[in-house]
Protein backbone atom coordinates (compact mmCIF):
# COMPACT_ATOMS: atom_id res chain seq x y z
CA MET A 1 117.64 23.24 33.64
CA GLU A 2 114.37 23.64 35.46
CA TYR A 3 113.25 27.07 36.66
CA ILE A 4 112.80 27.25 40.47
CA ASN A 5 109.20 28.24 41.05
CA GLU A 6 109.48 28.65 44.81
CA PRO A 7 111.37 31.82 45.79
CA TYR A 8 111.76 30.65 49.39
CA ILE A 9 114.30 28.08 48.14
CA ILE A 10 116.41 30.88 46.67
CA TRP A 11 116.19 32.90 49.90
CA LEU A 12 117.12 29.82 51.90
CA GLY A 13 120.15 29.36 49.64
CA VAL A 14 121.16 33.01 50.02
CA LEU A 15 120.75 32.71 53.79
CA ILE A 16 122.96 29.61 53.97
CA ILE A 17 125.62 31.10 51.69
CA CYS A 18 125.75 34.31 53.75
CA LEU A 19 126.07 32.34 56.99
CA VAL A 20 128.86 30.18 55.56
CA ILE A 21 130.73 33.27 54.34
CA GLU A 22 130.31 34.93 57.74
CA ALA A 23 131.54 31.84 59.55
CA ALA A 24 134.59 31.71 57.29
CA THR A 25 135.50 35.41 57.50
CA LEU A 26 134.07 36.69 60.81
CA GLY A 27 134.00 40.16 59.30
CA LEU A 28 130.46 41.09 60.39
CA THR A 29 129.43 41.97 56.85
CA SER A 30 127.59 39.07 55.29
CA ILE A 31 125.64 38.36 58.49
CA TRP A 32 123.47 41.40 57.78
CA PHE A 33 122.65 40.03 54.33
CA ALA A 34 121.74 36.74 56.01
CA PHE A 35 119.19 38.62 58.13
CA GLY A 36 117.86 40.30 54.98
CA ALA A 37 117.53 36.89 53.32
CA LEU A 38 115.74 35.53 56.39
CA VAL A 39 113.18 38.36 56.33
CA SER A 40 112.69 37.92 52.58
CA LEU A 41 112.29 34.17 53.12
CA LEU A 42 109.48 34.84 55.60
CA PHE A 43 107.78 37.24 53.19
CA SER A 44 108.08 34.71 50.36
CA LEU A 45 106.23 32.17 52.52
CA LEU A 46 103.46 34.76 52.91
CA GLY A 47 103.14 34.96 49.12
CA VAL A 48 104.53 38.48 48.62
CA SER A 49 105.70 39.25 45.07
CA ILE A 50 109.34 38.61 44.15
CA PHE A 51 109.90 42.32 43.47
CA VAL A 52 108.82 43.20 47.02
CA GLN A 53 110.96 40.36 48.42
CA VAL A 54 114.06 41.69 46.68
CA LEU A 55 113.24 45.21 47.83
CA ILE A 56 112.81 44.00 51.42
CA PHE A 57 116.09 42.06 51.20
CA LEU A 58 117.97 45.17 50.05
CA ILE A 59 116.36 47.52 52.56
CA VAL A 60 116.82 45.21 55.58
CA SER A 61 120.38 44.25 54.64
CA VAL A 62 121.60 47.78 53.93
CA CYS A 63 119.89 49.26 57.00
CA LEU A 64 121.35 46.60 59.29
CA LEU A 65 124.76 46.95 57.69
CA TYR A 66 124.74 50.74 57.99
CA PHE A 67 123.17 51.19 61.42
CA THR A 68 124.14 48.14 63.46
CA ARG A 69 127.51 46.98 62.10
CA PRO A 70 129.48 49.91 63.62
CA ILE A 71 127.89 49.22 67.01
CA ALA A 72 128.53 45.48 66.76
CA VAL A 73 132.15 45.99 65.68
CA LYS A 74 132.72 48.36 68.60
CA VAL A 75 131.07 46.10 71.18
CA LEU A 76 132.63 42.88 69.90
CA LYS A 77 135.95 44.58 69.08
CA ILE A 78 136.17 42.83 65.72
CA GLY A 79 139.57 43.19 64.11
CA HIS A 80 141.17 44.59 67.27
CA VAL A 81 143.34 42.36 69.39
CA LYS A 82 144.18 43.86 72.74
CA THR A 83 147.86 43.38 73.34
CA ASN A 84 149.70 43.29 76.64
CA TYR A 85 150.77 46.91 76.55
CA GLU A 86 147.25 48.18 75.81
CA SER A 87 145.78 46.23 78.71
CA ILE A 88 148.23 47.86 81.14
CA ILE A 89 146.98 51.43 80.55
CA GLY A 90 145.09 52.66 83.59
CA LYS A 91 146.63 50.06 85.93
CA LYS A 92 148.45 50.88 89.16
CA GLY A 93 152.06 50.00 89.81
CA ILE A 94 154.85 50.40 92.33
CA VAL A 95 158.04 52.31 91.55
CA THR A 96 161.01 49.92 91.86
CA GLU A 97 163.67 52.46 90.84
CA ASP A 98 163.41 56.23 91.29
CA ILE A 99 161.90 57.87 88.22
CA ASP A 100 163.91 60.80 86.88
CA ASN A 101 163.15 61.96 83.34
CA LEU A 102 166.30 64.12 83.14
CA ALA A 103 168.56 61.20 84.05
CA SER A 104 166.53 58.86 81.79
CA LYS A 105 165.99 56.33 84.51
CA GLY A 106 163.14 54.78 86.37
CA GLN A 107 161.28 51.50 86.63
CA VAL A 108 157.87 50.44 87.77
CA LYS A 109 156.34 47.06 88.48
CA VAL A 110 152.83 46.60 87.06
CA GLU A 111 150.97 43.29 87.31
CA GLY A 112 154.19 41.40 88.08
CA GLN A 113 156.17 42.88 85.18
CA VAL A 114 158.93 45.46 85.50
CA TRP A 115 158.87 48.26 82.92
CA SER A 116 161.10 51.21 82.18
CA CYS A 117 159.13 54.38 82.65
CA ARG A 118 159.02 58.15 82.60
CA THR A 119 156.64 60.55 84.28
CA LEU A 120 153.97 62.44 82.42
CA SER A 121 154.73 65.77 84.10
CA GLY A 122 158.51 65.34 84.43
CA GLU A 123 158.35 65.18 88.23
CA HIS A 124 160.71 62.99 90.26
CA ILE A 125 158.98 59.97 91.86
CA THR A 126 160.80 57.93 94.47
CA LYS A 127 161.02 54.17 94.92
CA GLY A 128 158.02 52.59 96.66
CA GLN A 129 155.42 55.14 95.56
CA LYS A 130 152.29 54.09 93.68
CA VAL A 131 151.74 55.28 90.12
CA ILE A 132 149.09 54.97 87.41
CA VAL A 133 149.99 54.09 83.82
CA ASN A 134 148.76 56.79 81.40
CA GLU A 135 150.18 55.54 78.13
CA VAL A 136 152.87 53.45 76.50
CA LYS A 137 155.50 55.02 74.26
CA GLY A 138 157.68 52.42 72.61
CA VAL A 139 158.83 50.16 75.46
CA LYS A 140 158.40 52.77 78.21
CA LEU A 141 155.39 53.44 80.37
CA ILE A 142 154.33 57.03 80.95
CA VAL A 143 153.10 57.28 84.53
CA GLU A 144 151.88 59.73 87.13
CA LYS A 145 151.50 59.55 90.91
CA ALA A 146 148.47 57.62 92.07
């Protein structure tokens, strides 16, 4: 087995492996190590010592992972699939059946779908009035007057 004398080949390999892992998992973890490998690859081409290259790889990777991953996860909403009920919060609807919390009745039509609902404050809302969806509890919308 021949010893690899060019460290940029190792950094290129690490970069490719990290990108393949990221493409397979989409977890936004190994991408930061790919950036670290890329920076170390550039420094290896400049002739910087292997110790400094490894140090740069670790510093860049850990800093990116720590400081930018939470922002990227939040912006890209990684691991969070918005379901139908979550997308309806904040939307306006029309009451199709009087809402009365005491009688446990009431329906509202929001974006073409009819939902059972209750009011947030317990007030009675009559048919035809506009409401805003505040939250979803089970299969019922919690609404208030618009």
